[in-house]
C-alpha cells in the first residue's frame, strides 16, 4: 500500500512536489520542516501516525518507566497499581472511550482496585535490571514501599521522552494532583469511574 502523500506547500527547501508522513517526520527531525508551517490536514495525519507508533511500541516496562519518571516517586504498591491503571487507560483510550483490549497491561478487578500481574512482574524485572528501586519506609508504626527510578532508569526515561513527551505530559496532567495528597478519596473516585468505563474482568487475587 502506497503511503499517503501531501502536496509540498510547506517546505520550499525540499525539492519534491509531494511528501509522505515518513518524509515529513524526517524533515521535522532534521530541521528542514517547521511544524508551524504544516497545514491542518498534515498536522492531523502526523499526530495520528505518532499516536499509532507510540501505541504499537508501548510495553508495560516502558509505561512503568514513563510513570515513575514523570511522577518522581510513588508511595505504596497499591497506589502504584492505581496510578499505572489510570495512565494506561488514558494512554490507550480510543475516540469511543477506553477499551480493555487496548490496554498495555492486562488488568483485572481486585478488592483493592484494578490489579495487573503483568505490572507486578514488570516491577520485579525493572528492579533486577536496576531501572527501579523500591525502598521500605517505616513511620508511625506503619510501613510502605516507595518506588523510584535509578540513575539507569532516569537515563532510560530521558531516552523514551524523545518520542513520548506527549505521553509524559498526559500522565502528569492526570496524576499530578495526587502526588502530594495522601488522601485516597479523590483517587479512589477516579479509579472507580475509569474501572466502569473499561469493563475489566475479575477478580484477581493479590495482596494490597
N, C-alpha and C. Protein backbone atom coordinates (compact mmCIF):
# COMPACT_ATOMS: atom_id res chain seq x y z
N UNK A 1 0.84 -1.20 0.00
CA UNK A 1 0.00 0.00 0.00
C UNK A 1 0.88 1.25 0.00
N UNK A 2 0.64 2.15 -0.95
CA UNK A 2 1.44 3.36 -1.07
C UNK A 2 1.07 4.36 0.02
N UNK A 3 2.07 4.86 0.79
CA UNK A 3 1.76 5.83 1.85
C UNK A 3 1.13 7.09 1.27
N UNK A 4 0.20 7.67 2.04
CA UNK A 4 -0.44 8.91 1.61
C UNK A 4 0.59 10.01 1.52
N UNK A 5 0.54 10.77 0.43
CA UNK A 5 1.48 11.88 0.23
C UNK A 5 0.71 13.19 0.17
N UNK A 6 1.34 14.24 0.67
CA UNK A 6 0.71 15.55 0.73
C UNK A 6 1.46 16.53 -0.17
N UNK A 7 0.71 17.43 -0.77
CA UNK A 7 1.32 18.45 -1.61
C UNK A 7 2.28 19.29 -0.78
N UNK A 8 3.49 19.44 -1.28
CA UNK A 8 4.52 20.16 -0.54
C UNK A 8 4.36 21.67 -0.73
N UNK A 9 3.54 22.26 0.14
CA UNK A 9 3.36 23.71 0.14
C UNK A 9 3.94 24.32 1.41
N UNK A 10 4.72 23.51 2.15
CA UNK A 10 5.20 23.95 3.47
C UNK A 10 6.72 23.83 3.63
N UNK A 11 7.41 23.23 2.67
CA UNK A 11 8.86 23.06 2.78
C UNK A 11 9.52 23.39 1.45
N UNK A 12 9.67 24.68 1.13
CA UNK A 12 10.23 25.07 -0.17
C UNK A 12 11.67 24.61 -0.37
N UNK A 13 12.39 24.34 0.73
CA UNK A 13 13.78 23.91 0.60
C UNK A 13 13.90 22.46 0.14
N UNK A 14 12.80 21.71 0.23
CA UNK A 14 12.81 20.31 -0.21
C UNK A 14 12.25 20.26 -1.62
N UNK A 15 13.06 19.79 -2.55
CA UNK A 15 12.69 19.80 -3.97
C UNK A 15 11.87 18.57 -4.34
N UNK A 16 10.68 18.47 -3.73
CA UNK A 16 9.74 17.40 -4.07
C UNK A 16 8.34 17.98 -4.03
N UNK A 17 7.53 17.55 -5.02
CA UNK A 17 6.17 18.08 -5.11
C UNK A 17 5.26 17.53 -4.02
N UNK A 18 5.50 16.27 -3.61
CA UNK A 18 4.66 15.64 -2.60
C UNK A 18 5.54 14.91 -1.59
N UNK A 19 5.10 14.92 -0.32
CA UNK A 19 5.85 14.27 0.76
C UNK A 19 4.91 13.38 1.56
N UNK A 20 5.40 12.17 1.91
CA UNK A 20 4.59 11.32 2.78
C UNK A 20 4.95 11.57 4.24
N UNK A 21 4.25 10.90 5.14
CA UNK A 21 4.43 11.17 6.57
C UNK A 21 5.85 10.85 7.04
N UNK A 22 6.43 9.75 6.55
CA UNK A 22 7.80 9.41 6.95
C UNK A 22 8.77 10.52 6.55
N UNK A 23 8.60 11.04 5.35
CA UNK A 23 9.49 12.11 4.87
C UNK A 23 9.27 13.40 5.68
N UNK A 24 8.02 13.66 6.04
CA UNK A 24 7.73 14.85 6.84
C UNK A 24 8.35 14.73 8.23
N UNK A 25 8.23 13.55 8.84
CA UNK A 25 8.82 13.35 10.16
C UNK A 25 10.33 13.48 10.11
N UNK A 26 10.95 12.97 9.05
CA UNK A 26 12.39 13.10 8.88
C UNK A 26 12.78 14.56 8.71
N UNK A 27 11.98 15.29 7.93
CA UNK A 27 12.25 16.71 7.72
C UNK A 27 12.12 17.52 9.00
N UNK A 28 11.15 17.18 9.83
CA UNK A 28 10.99 17.86 11.12
C UNK A 28 12.19 17.59 12.03
N UNK A 29 12.64 16.34 12.05
CA UNK A 29 13.79 15.97 12.88
C UNK A 29 15.05 16.68 12.41
N UNK A 30 15.21 16.80 11.09
CA UNK A 30 16.41 17.43 10.53
C UNK A 30 16.34 18.95 10.54
N UNK A 31 15.20 19.51 10.92
CA UNK A 31 15.06 20.96 10.95
C UNK A 31 14.76 21.57 9.60
N UNK A 32 14.44 20.75 8.60
CA UNK A 32 14.15 21.26 7.27
C UNK A 32 12.68 21.62 7.10
N UNK A 33 11.86 21.16 8.04
CA UNK A 33 10.43 21.47 8.02
C UNK A 33 10.06 22.04 9.39
N UNK A 34 9.28 23.11 9.38
CA UNK A 34 8.82 23.72 10.63
C UNK A 34 7.38 23.27 10.88
N UNK A 35 7.14 22.77 12.09
CA UNK A 35 5.81 22.27 12.43
C UNK A 35 4.74 23.34 12.27
N UNK A 36 5.10 24.59 12.56
CA UNK A 36 4.12 25.68 12.48
C UNK A 36 3.67 25.96 11.05
N UNK A 37 4.43 25.47 10.07
CA UNK A 37 4.10 25.70 8.66
C UNK A 37 3.22 24.60 8.07
N UNK A 38 3.00 23.54 8.82
CA UNK A 38 2.23 22.42 8.29
C UNK A 38 0.74 22.76 8.23
N UNK A 39 0.07 22.46 7.13
CA UNK A 39 -1.38 22.67 7.03
C UNK A 39 -2.12 21.78 8.03
N UNK A 40 -3.35 22.14 8.40
CA UNK A 40 -4.11 21.37 9.39
C UNK A 40 -4.26 19.89 9.06
N UNK A 41 -4.48 19.55 7.78
CA UNK A 41 -4.66 18.14 7.43
C UNK A 41 -3.37 17.35 7.61
N UNK A 42 -2.23 17.99 7.35
CA UNK A 42 -0.94 17.33 7.55
C UNK A 42 -0.66 17.17 9.04
N UNK A 43 -0.97 18.19 9.83
CA UNK A 43 -0.78 18.11 11.28
C UNK A 43 -1.61 16.98 11.87
N UNK A 44 -2.85 16.84 11.40
CA UNK A 44 -3.73 15.78 11.90
C UNK A 44 -3.19 14.40 11.53
N UNK A 45 -2.73 14.25 10.29
CA UNK A 45 -2.18 12.97 9.85
C UNK A 45 -0.90 12.64 10.61
N UNK A 46 -0.09 13.65 10.88
CA UNK A 46 1.16 13.46 11.62
C UNK A 46 0.87 13.03 13.05
N UNK A 47 -0.09 13.69 13.70
CA UNK A 47 -0.45 13.34 15.07
C UNK A 47 -1.00 11.92 15.15
N UNK A 48 -1.82 11.54 14.17
CA UNK A 48 -2.39 10.19 14.15
C UNK A 48 -1.30 9.14 13.97
N UNK A 49 -0.33 9.42 13.13
CA UNK A 49 0.75 8.46 12.90
C UNK A 49 1.64 8.33 14.13
N UNK A 50 1.91 9.44 14.81
CA UNK A 50 2.72 9.39 16.02
C UNK A 50 2.01 8.60 17.11
N UNK A 51 0.70 8.82 17.24
CA UNK A 51 -0.09 8.06 18.22
C UNK A 51 -0.05 6.57 17.90
N UNK A 52 -0.17 6.23 16.61
CA UNK A 52 -0.16 4.82 16.20
C UNK A 52 1.18 4.17 16.54
N UNK A 53 2.26 4.87 16.26
CA UNK A 53 3.59 4.31 16.52
C UNK A 53 3.84 4.16 18.01
N UNK A 54 3.41 5.15 18.79
CA UNK A 54 3.58 5.06 20.23
C UNK A 54 2.79 3.90 20.80
N UNK A 55 1.57 3.70 20.31
CA UNK A 55 0.72 2.62 20.80
C UNK A 55 1.34 1.26 20.50
N UNK A 56 1.85 1.08 19.28
CA UNK A 56 2.42 -0.20 18.88
C UNK A 56 3.69 -0.50 19.66
N UNK A 57 4.41 0.53 20.07
CA UNK A 57 5.71 0.35 20.67
C UNK A 57 5.68 0.37 22.20
N UNK A 58 4.51 0.62 22.79
CA UNK A 58 4.43 0.71 24.25
C UNK A 58 4.40 -0.68 24.87
N UNK A 59 5.13 -0.84 25.99
CA UNK A 59 5.16 -2.09 26.75
C UNK A 59 4.93 -1.75 28.22
N UNK A 60 4.59 -2.75 29.05
CA UNK A 60 4.44 -2.48 30.49
C UNK A 60 5.69 -1.86 31.11
N UNK A 61 6.88 -2.31 30.68
CA UNK A 61 8.12 -1.77 31.24
C UNK A 61 8.27 -0.30 30.88
N UNK A 62 8.00 0.05 29.65
CA UNK A 62 8.12 1.45 29.23
C UNK A 62 7.08 2.32 29.91
N UNK A 63 5.88 1.78 30.08
CA UNK A 63 4.84 2.53 30.79
C UNK A 63 5.27 2.79 32.23
N UNK A 64 5.86 1.78 32.88
CA UNK A 64 6.34 1.93 34.25
C UNK A 64 7.43 3.00 34.35
N UNK A 65 8.39 2.97 33.43
CA UNK A 65 9.48 3.95 33.44
C UNK A 65 8.94 5.36 33.19
N UNK A 66 8.02 5.50 32.24
CA UNK A 66 7.42 6.81 31.98
C UNK A 66 6.64 7.31 33.19
N UNK A 67 5.92 6.40 33.84
CA UNK A 67 5.12 6.78 35.00
C UNK A 67 6.00 7.26 36.15
N UNK A 68 7.02 6.48 36.50
CA UNK A 68 7.91 6.86 37.61
C UNK A 68 8.76 8.07 37.25
N UNK A 69 9.19 8.15 36.00
CA UNK A 69 9.98 9.31 35.58
C UNK A 69 9.17 10.59 35.62
N UNK A 70 7.90 10.50 35.30
CA UNK A 70 7.03 11.67 35.32
C UNK A 70 6.67 12.08 36.74
N UNK A 71 6.37 11.09 37.60
CA UNK A 71 5.91 11.38 38.95
C UNK A 71 7.05 11.57 39.95
N UNK A 72 8.25 11.11 39.62
CA UNK A 72 9.38 11.25 40.54
C UNK A 72 9.48 10.08 41.50
N UNK A 73 8.42 9.84 42.25
CA UNK A 73 8.34 8.69 43.13
C UNK A 73 6.87 8.37 43.38
N UNK A 74 6.61 7.12 43.72
CA UNK A 74 5.25 6.70 44.06
C UNK A 74 5.33 5.86 45.32
N UNK A 75 4.52 6.23 46.31
CA UNK A 75 4.50 5.52 47.58
C UNK A 75 3.34 4.53 47.61
N UNK A 76 3.63 3.35 48.09
CA UNK A 76 2.67 2.26 48.27
C UNK A 76 2.46 1.47 46.97
N UNK A 77 2.49 0.16 47.11
CA UNK A 77 2.29 -0.74 45.97
C UNK A 77 0.90 -0.56 45.37
N UNK A 78 -0.11 -0.40 46.24
CA UNK A 78 -1.48 -0.25 45.73
C UNK A 78 -1.63 1.02 44.92
N UNK A 79 -1.01 2.10 45.39
CA UNK A 79 -1.11 3.37 44.66
C UNK A 79 -0.35 3.28 43.34
N UNK A 80 0.75 2.56 43.31
CA UNK A 80 1.47 2.35 42.05
C UNK A 80 0.57 1.66 41.04
N UNK A 81 -0.14 0.63 41.49
CA UNK A 81 -1.06 -0.08 40.60
C UNK A 81 -2.17 0.86 40.10
N UNK A 82 -2.71 1.67 41.00
CA UNK A 82 -3.79 2.58 40.61
C UNK A 82 -3.30 3.64 39.63
N UNK A 83 -2.14 4.22 39.91
CA UNK A 83 -1.57 5.22 39.01
C UNK A 83 -1.33 4.61 37.62
N UNK A 84 -0.74 3.41 37.62
CA UNK A 84 -0.43 2.76 36.35
C UNK A 84 -1.71 2.44 35.58
N UNK A 85 -2.75 2.03 36.29
CA UNK A 85 -4.03 1.74 35.63
C UNK A 85 -4.60 2.99 34.98
N UNK A 86 -4.58 4.10 35.70
CA UNK A 86 -5.11 5.35 35.16
C UNK A 86 -4.28 5.83 33.97
N UNK A 87 -2.95 5.74 34.10
CA UNK A 87 -2.08 6.16 33.00
C UNK A 87 -2.28 5.27 31.78
N UNK A 88 -2.39 3.97 32.02
CA UNK A 88 -2.61 3.00 30.94
C UNK A 88 -3.94 3.26 30.24
N UNK A 89 -4.98 3.50 31.04
CA UNK A 89 -6.31 3.74 30.48
C UNK A 89 -6.34 5.01 29.64
N UNK A 90 -5.73 6.07 30.15
CA UNK A 90 -5.72 7.33 29.40
C UNK A 90 -4.91 7.19 28.13
N UNK A 91 -3.77 6.52 28.23
CA UNK A 91 -2.91 6.34 27.06
C UNK A 91 -3.62 5.54 25.97
N UNK A 92 -4.37 4.52 26.39
CA UNK A 92 -4.94 3.57 25.43
C UNK A 92 -6.34 3.91 24.96
N UNK A 93 -6.91 4.99 25.44
CA UNK A 93 -8.30 5.26 25.11
C UNK A 93 -8.48 5.59 23.63
N UNK A 94 -9.60 5.15 23.11
CA UNK A 94 -9.95 5.45 21.72
C UNK A 94 -10.94 6.60 21.71
N UNK A 95 -11.42 6.97 20.55
CA UNK A 95 -12.38 8.06 20.46
C UNK A 95 -13.68 7.71 21.17
N UNK A 96 -13.97 6.42 21.29
CA UNK A 96 -15.20 5.99 21.94
C UNK A 96 -15.01 5.69 23.42
N UNK A 97 -13.80 5.97 23.94
CA UNK A 97 -13.52 5.67 25.34
C UNK A 97 -12.53 4.54 25.45
N UNK A 98 -12.02 4.33 26.65
CA UNK A 98 -11.01 3.30 26.86
C UNK A 98 -11.60 1.91 26.69
N UNK A 99 -10.84 1.03 26.05
CA UNK A 99 -11.29 -0.34 25.83
C UNK A 99 -10.26 -1.29 26.41
N UNK A 100 -10.73 -2.32 27.11
CA UNK A 100 -9.84 -3.25 27.78
C UNK A 100 -8.81 -3.84 26.83
N UNK A 101 -9.22 -4.18 25.61
CA UNK A 101 -8.31 -4.83 24.68
C UNK A 101 -7.17 -3.91 24.26
N UNK A 102 -7.32 -2.59 24.46
CA UNK A 102 -6.30 -1.65 24.06
C UNK A 102 -5.28 -1.36 25.16
N UNK A 103 -5.53 -1.85 26.39
CA UNK A 103 -4.65 -1.52 27.49
C UNK A 103 -3.32 -2.25 27.37
N UNK A 104 -2.25 -1.57 27.79
CA UNK A 104 -0.91 -2.15 27.70
C UNK A 104 -0.76 -3.31 28.68
N UNK A 105 -1.22 -3.11 29.92
CA UNK A 105 -1.18 -4.17 30.93
C UNK A 105 -2.53 -4.88 30.97
N UNK A 106 -2.52 -6.12 31.38
CA UNK A 106 -3.77 -6.89 31.45
C UNK A 106 -4.33 -6.76 32.86
N UNK A 107 -5.34 -5.93 33.00
CA UNK A 107 -5.89 -5.60 34.31
C UNK A 107 -7.07 -6.49 34.67
N UNK A 108 -7.19 -6.76 35.97
CA UNK A 108 -8.35 -7.48 36.49
C UNK A 108 -8.84 -6.76 37.75
N UNK A 109 -10.11 -6.94 38.04
CA UNK A 109 -10.66 -6.35 39.26
C UNK A 109 -10.11 -7.08 40.48
N UNK A 110 -9.90 -6.30 41.55
CA UNK A 110 -9.38 -6.83 42.80
C UNK A 110 -10.01 -6.03 43.92
N UNK A 111 -10.04 -6.57 45.12
CA UNK A 111 -10.72 -5.88 46.21
C UNK A 111 -10.07 -4.53 46.53
N UNK A 112 -8.79 -4.34 46.17
CA UNK A 112 -8.13 -3.05 46.40
C UNK A 112 -8.16 -2.15 45.17
N UNK A 113 -8.79 -2.61 44.10
CA UNK A 113 -8.83 -1.83 42.87
C UNK A 113 -8.27 -2.64 41.72
N UNK A 114 -8.10 -2.03 40.55
CA UNK A 114 -7.54 -2.74 39.39
C UNK A 114 -6.14 -3.26 39.72
N UNK A 115 -5.86 -4.48 39.28
CA UNK A 115 -4.55 -5.09 39.55
C UNK A 115 -4.05 -5.78 38.29
N UNK A 116 -2.76 -5.62 38.01
CA UNK A 116 -2.14 -6.26 36.86
C UNK A 116 -0.97 -7.11 37.32
N UNK A 117 -1.07 -8.41 37.11
CA UNK A 117 0.05 -9.30 37.41
C UNK A 117 1.24 -8.98 36.50
N UNK A 118 0.93 -8.51 35.28
CA UNK A 118 1.99 -8.15 34.34
C UNK A 118 2.80 -6.98 34.88
N UNK A 119 2.11 -5.98 35.43
CA UNK A 119 2.82 -4.83 36.01
C UNK A 119 3.62 -5.26 37.23
N UNK A 120 3.04 -6.12 38.07
CA UNK A 120 3.73 -6.61 39.26
C UNK A 120 5.03 -7.31 38.87
N UNK A 121 4.96 -8.16 37.84
CA UNK A 121 6.15 -8.84 37.35
C UNK A 121 7.12 -7.85 36.74
N UNK A 122 6.58 -6.85 36.04
CA UNK A 122 7.41 -5.84 35.40
C UNK A 122 8.22 -5.05 36.43
N UNK A 123 7.61 -4.75 37.58
CA UNK A 123 8.32 -4.03 38.64
C UNK A 123 9.51 -4.85 39.12
N UNK A 124 9.30 -6.14 39.33
CA UNK A 124 10.40 -7.00 39.78
C UNK A 124 11.51 -7.08 38.73
N UNK A 125 11.11 -7.18 37.45
CA UNK A 125 12.11 -7.22 36.38
C UNK A 125 12.87 -5.91 36.28
N UNK A 126 12.17 -4.79 36.49
CA UNK A 126 12.81 -3.47 36.44
C UNK A 126 13.81 -3.32 37.59
N UNK A 127 13.47 -3.89 38.74
CA UNK A 127 14.40 -3.85 39.87
C UNK A 127 15.63 -4.72 39.58
N UNK A 128 15.41 -5.89 38.99
CA UNK A 128 16.53 -6.77 38.64
C UNK A 128 17.44 -6.11 37.60
N UNK A 129 16.83 -5.32 36.71
CA UNK A 129 17.60 -4.63 35.67
C UNK A 129 18.19 -3.31 36.17
N UNK A 130 17.98 -3.01 37.44
CA UNK A 130 18.47 -1.78 38.08
C UNK A 130 17.92 -0.52 37.41
N UNK A 131 16.67 -0.61 36.98
CA UNK A 131 15.97 0.56 36.46
C UNK A 131 15.12 1.22 37.55
N UNK A 132 14.66 0.41 38.50
CA UNK A 132 13.76 0.88 39.56
C UNK A 132 14.29 0.41 40.90
N UNK A 133 14.14 1.26 41.90
CA UNK A 133 14.48 0.89 43.27
C UNK A 133 13.23 0.96 44.13
N UNK A 134 13.09 0.04 45.06
CA UNK A 134 11.95 0.01 45.98
C UNK A 134 12.50 0.06 47.40
N UNK A 135 12.17 1.13 48.13
CA UNK A 135 12.68 1.31 49.50
C UNK A 135 11.53 1.18 50.49
N UNK A 136 11.75 0.40 51.52
CA UNK A 136 10.73 0.24 52.55
C UNK A 136 10.89 1.35 53.59
N UNK A 137 9.82 2.10 53.81
CA UNK A 137 9.83 3.23 54.73
C UNK A 137 8.95 2.88 55.93
N UNK A 138 9.48 3.09 57.14
CA UNK A 138 8.72 2.87 58.36
C UNK A 138 8.43 4.20 59.02
N UNK A 139 7.16 4.43 59.36
CA UNK A 139 6.77 5.68 60.02
C UNK A 139 5.46 5.47 60.76
N UNK A 140 5.42 5.99 62.00
CA UNK A 140 4.19 5.92 62.81
C UNK A 140 3.62 4.51 62.88
N UNK A 141 4.49 3.56 63.20
CA UNK A 141 4.10 2.16 63.38
C UNK A 141 3.53 1.53 62.11
N UNK A 142 3.78 2.14 60.98
CA UNK A 142 3.34 1.57 59.71
C UNK A 142 4.52 1.57 58.75
N UNK A 143 4.37 0.89 57.65
CA UNK A 143 5.45 0.87 56.67
C UNK A 143 4.85 0.82 55.27
N UNK A 144 5.59 1.36 54.34
CA UNK A 144 5.17 1.32 52.95
C UNK A 144 6.40 1.29 52.06
N UNK A 145 6.20 0.95 50.81
CA UNK A 145 7.29 0.89 49.85
C UNK A 145 7.23 2.09 48.92
N UNK A 146 8.37 2.73 48.73
CA UNK A 146 8.47 3.87 47.81
C UNK A 146 9.26 3.46 46.58
N UNK A 147 8.68 3.72 45.41
CA UNK A 147 9.30 3.32 44.14
C UNK A 147 9.88 4.55 43.45
N UNK A 148 11.11 4.42 42.98
CA UNK A 148 11.78 5.49 42.24
C UNK A 148 12.61 4.88 41.12
N UNK A 149 12.95 5.72 40.14
CA UNK A 149 13.89 5.30 39.11
C UNK A 149 15.31 5.43 39.63
N UNK A 150 16.17 4.53 39.19
CA UNK A 150 17.60 4.63 39.49
C UNK A 150 18.25 5.56 38.46
N UNK A 151 19.55 5.73 38.56
CA UNK A 151 20.28 6.52 37.56
C UNK A 151 20.08 5.91 36.17
N UNK A 152 20.17 4.60 36.10
CA UNK A 152 19.95 3.92 34.81
C UNK A 152 18.50 4.10 34.35
N UNK A 153 17.57 4.04 35.29
CA UNK A 153 16.16 4.23 34.95
C UNK A 153 15.89 5.62 34.44
N UNK A 154 16.52 6.63 35.05
CA UNK A 154 16.34 8.01 34.58
C UNK A 154 16.91 8.20 33.18
N UNK A 155 18.01 7.51 32.89
CA UNK A 155 18.58 7.59 31.54
C UNK A 155 17.62 6.98 30.52
N UNK A 156 16.99 5.87 30.90
CA UNK A 156 16.00 5.24 30.02
C UNK A 156 14.78 6.14 29.85
N UNK A 157 14.39 6.82 30.92
CA UNK A 157 13.26 7.75 30.84
C UNK A 157 13.56 8.88 29.87
N UNK A 158 14.75 9.44 29.93
CA UNK A 158 15.12 10.52 29.01
C UNK A 158 15.11 10.02 27.57
N UNK A 159 15.54 8.78 27.36
CA UNK A 159 15.53 8.22 26.01
C UNK A 159 14.09 8.07 25.50
N UNK A 160 13.21 7.57 26.36
CA UNK A 160 11.81 7.39 25.97
C UNK A 160 11.13 8.73 25.67
N UNK A 161 11.52 9.76 26.39
CA UNK A 161 10.90 11.07 26.20
C UNK A 161 11.17 11.66 24.81
N UNK A 162 12.19 11.18 24.14
CA UNK A 162 12.50 11.70 22.81
C UNK A 162 11.33 11.50 21.85
N UNK A 163 10.54 10.44 22.09
CA UNK A 163 9.40 10.18 21.20
C UNK A 163 8.07 10.14 21.93
N UNK A 164 8.09 10.36 23.27
CA UNK A 164 6.85 10.20 24.03
C UNK A 164 6.61 11.34 25.01
N UNK A 165 6.97 12.54 24.64
CA UNK A 165 6.75 13.68 25.53
C UNK A 165 5.27 13.90 25.79
N UNK A 166 4.45 13.65 24.78
CA UNK A 166 3.01 13.85 24.96
C UNK A 166 2.43 12.86 25.97
N UNK A 167 2.97 11.63 25.97
CA UNK A 167 2.51 10.64 26.94
C UNK A 167 2.85 11.10 28.35
N UNK A 168 4.08 11.61 28.53
CA UNK A 168 4.51 12.09 29.84
C UNK A 168 3.65 13.26 30.30
N UNK A 169 3.38 14.21 29.39
CA UNK A 169 2.53 15.35 29.75
C UNK A 169 1.13 14.90 30.12
N UNK A 170 0.64 13.89 29.41
CA UNK A 170 -0.70 13.36 29.69
C UNK A 170 -0.75 12.72 31.08
N UNK A 171 0.29 11.96 31.42
CA UNK A 171 0.36 11.33 32.74
C UNK A 171 0.42 12.39 33.83
N UNK A 172 1.27 13.41 33.62
CA UNK A 172 1.40 14.46 34.63
C UNK A 172 0.08 15.21 34.81
N UNK A 173 -0.58 15.52 33.70
CA UNK A 173 -1.85 16.23 33.79
C UNK A 173 -2.91 15.44 34.54
N UNK A 174 -2.87 14.12 34.39
CA UNK A 174 -3.86 13.26 35.04
C UNK A 174 -3.56 13.04 36.51
N UNK A 175 -2.27 12.87 36.87
CA UNK A 175 -1.92 12.38 38.20
C UNK A 175 -1.24 13.39 39.12
N UNK A 176 -0.83 14.54 38.60
CA UNK A 176 -0.06 15.49 39.41
C UNK A 176 -0.81 15.91 40.67
N UNK A 177 -2.13 16.00 40.60
CA UNK A 177 -2.90 16.46 41.76
C UNK A 177 -2.86 15.47 42.91
N UNK A 178 -2.50 14.21 42.63
CA UNK A 178 -2.44 13.21 43.69
C UNK A 178 -1.04 13.06 44.28
N UNK A 179 -0.05 13.69 43.67
CA UNK A 179 1.34 13.43 44.03
C UNK A 179 1.64 13.79 45.49
N UNK A 180 1.10 14.90 45.97
CA UNK A 180 1.37 15.34 47.33
C UNK A 180 0.11 15.27 48.20
N UNK A 181 -0.81 14.41 47.80
CA UNK A 181 -2.08 14.25 48.52
C UNK A 181 -2.17 12.81 49.00
N UNK A 182 -2.08 12.62 50.32
CA UNK A 182 -2.09 11.27 50.87
C UNK A 182 -3.51 10.71 51.01
N UNK A 183 -4.53 11.55 50.81
CA UNK A 183 -5.90 11.07 50.93
C UNK A 183 -6.24 10.19 49.73
N UNK A 184 -7.15 9.27 49.95
CA UNK A 184 -7.48 8.30 48.91
C UNK A 184 -8.82 8.58 48.23
N UNK A 185 -9.62 9.50 48.78
CA UNK A 185 -10.99 9.67 48.30
C UNK A 185 -11.04 10.07 46.82
N UNK A 186 -10.31 11.12 46.44
CA UNK A 186 -10.36 11.60 45.06
C UNK A 186 -9.77 10.57 44.10
N UNK A 187 -8.67 9.94 44.52
CA UNK A 187 -8.04 8.92 43.67
C UNK A 187 -8.97 7.73 43.50
N UNK A 188 -9.58 7.28 44.59
CA UNK A 188 -10.49 6.14 44.53
C UNK A 188 -11.69 6.44 43.62
N UNK A 189 -12.17 7.67 43.66
CA UNK A 189 -13.31 8.06 42.83
C UNK A 189 -12.95 7.99 41.35
N UNK A 190 -11.76 8.50 41.00
CA UNK A 190 -11.33 8.47 39.60
C UNK A 190 -11.07 7.04 39.13
N UNK A 191 -10.46 6.23 39.99
CA UNK A 191 -10.20 4.84 39.64
C UNK A 191 -11.52 4.09 39.42
N UNK A 192 -12.49 4.32 40.30
CA UNK A 192 -13.79 3.65 40.17
C UNK A 192 -14.48 4.05 38.86
N UNK A 193 -14.43 5.32 38.53
CA UNK A 193 -15.05 5.81 37.29
C UNK A 193 -14.38 5.17 36.07
N UNK A 194 -13.05 5.14 36.08
CA UNK A 194 -12.31 4.58 34.94
C UNK A 194 -12.52 3.07 34.85
N UNK A 195 -12.63 2.40 35.99
CA UNK A 195 -12.87 0.96 36.00
C UNK A 195 -14.19 0.62 35.33
N UNK A 196 -15.22 1.40 35.62
CA UNK A 196 -16.52 1.18 34.99
C UNK A 196 -16.44 1.37 33.48
N UNK A 197 -15.67 2.35 33.05
CA UNK A 197 -15.55 2.64 31.62
C UNK A 197 -14.81 1.55 30.87
N UNK A 198 -13.87 0.87 31.54
CA UNK A 198 -13.05 -0.13 30.86
C UNK A 198 -13.62 -1.54 30.94
N UNK A 199 -14.63 -1.75 31.82
CA UNK A 199 -15.29 -3.05 31.91
C UNK A 199 -14.28 -4.18 32.13
N UNK A 200 -13.52 -4.08 33.22
CA UNK A 200 -12.46 -5.04 33.50
C UNK A 200 -13.01 -6.40 33.90
N UNK A 201 -12.29 -7.48 33.54
CA UNK A 201 -12.63 -8.80 34.06
C UNK A 201 -12.15 -8.91 35.50
N UNK A 202 -12.58 -9.92 36.21
CA UNK A 202 -12.11 -10.07 37.58
C UNK A 202 -12.72 -11.31 38.20
N UNK A 203 -12.39 -11.57 39.48
CA UNK A 203 -11.41 -10.81 40.25
C UNK A 203 -10.02 -11.43 40.13
N UNK A 204 -9.00 -10.64 40.49
CA UNK A 204 -7.64 -11.17 40.61
C UNK A 204 -7.34 -11.29 42.09
N UNK A 205 -6.51 -12.25 42.47
CA UNK A 205 -6.20 -12.46 43.89
C UNK A 205 -4.75 -12.04 44.13
N UNK A 206 -4.59 -10.92 44.81
CA UNK A 206 -3.26 -10.43 45.13
C UNK A 206 -3.35 -9.59 46.38
N UNK A 207 -2.26 -9.51 47.11
CA UNK A 207 -2.25 -8.72 48.34
C UNK A 207 -2.20 -7.25 48.02
N UNK A 208 -2.87 -6.43 48.85
CA UNK A 208 -2.85 -4.99 48.65
C UNK A 208 -1.50 -4.43 49.04
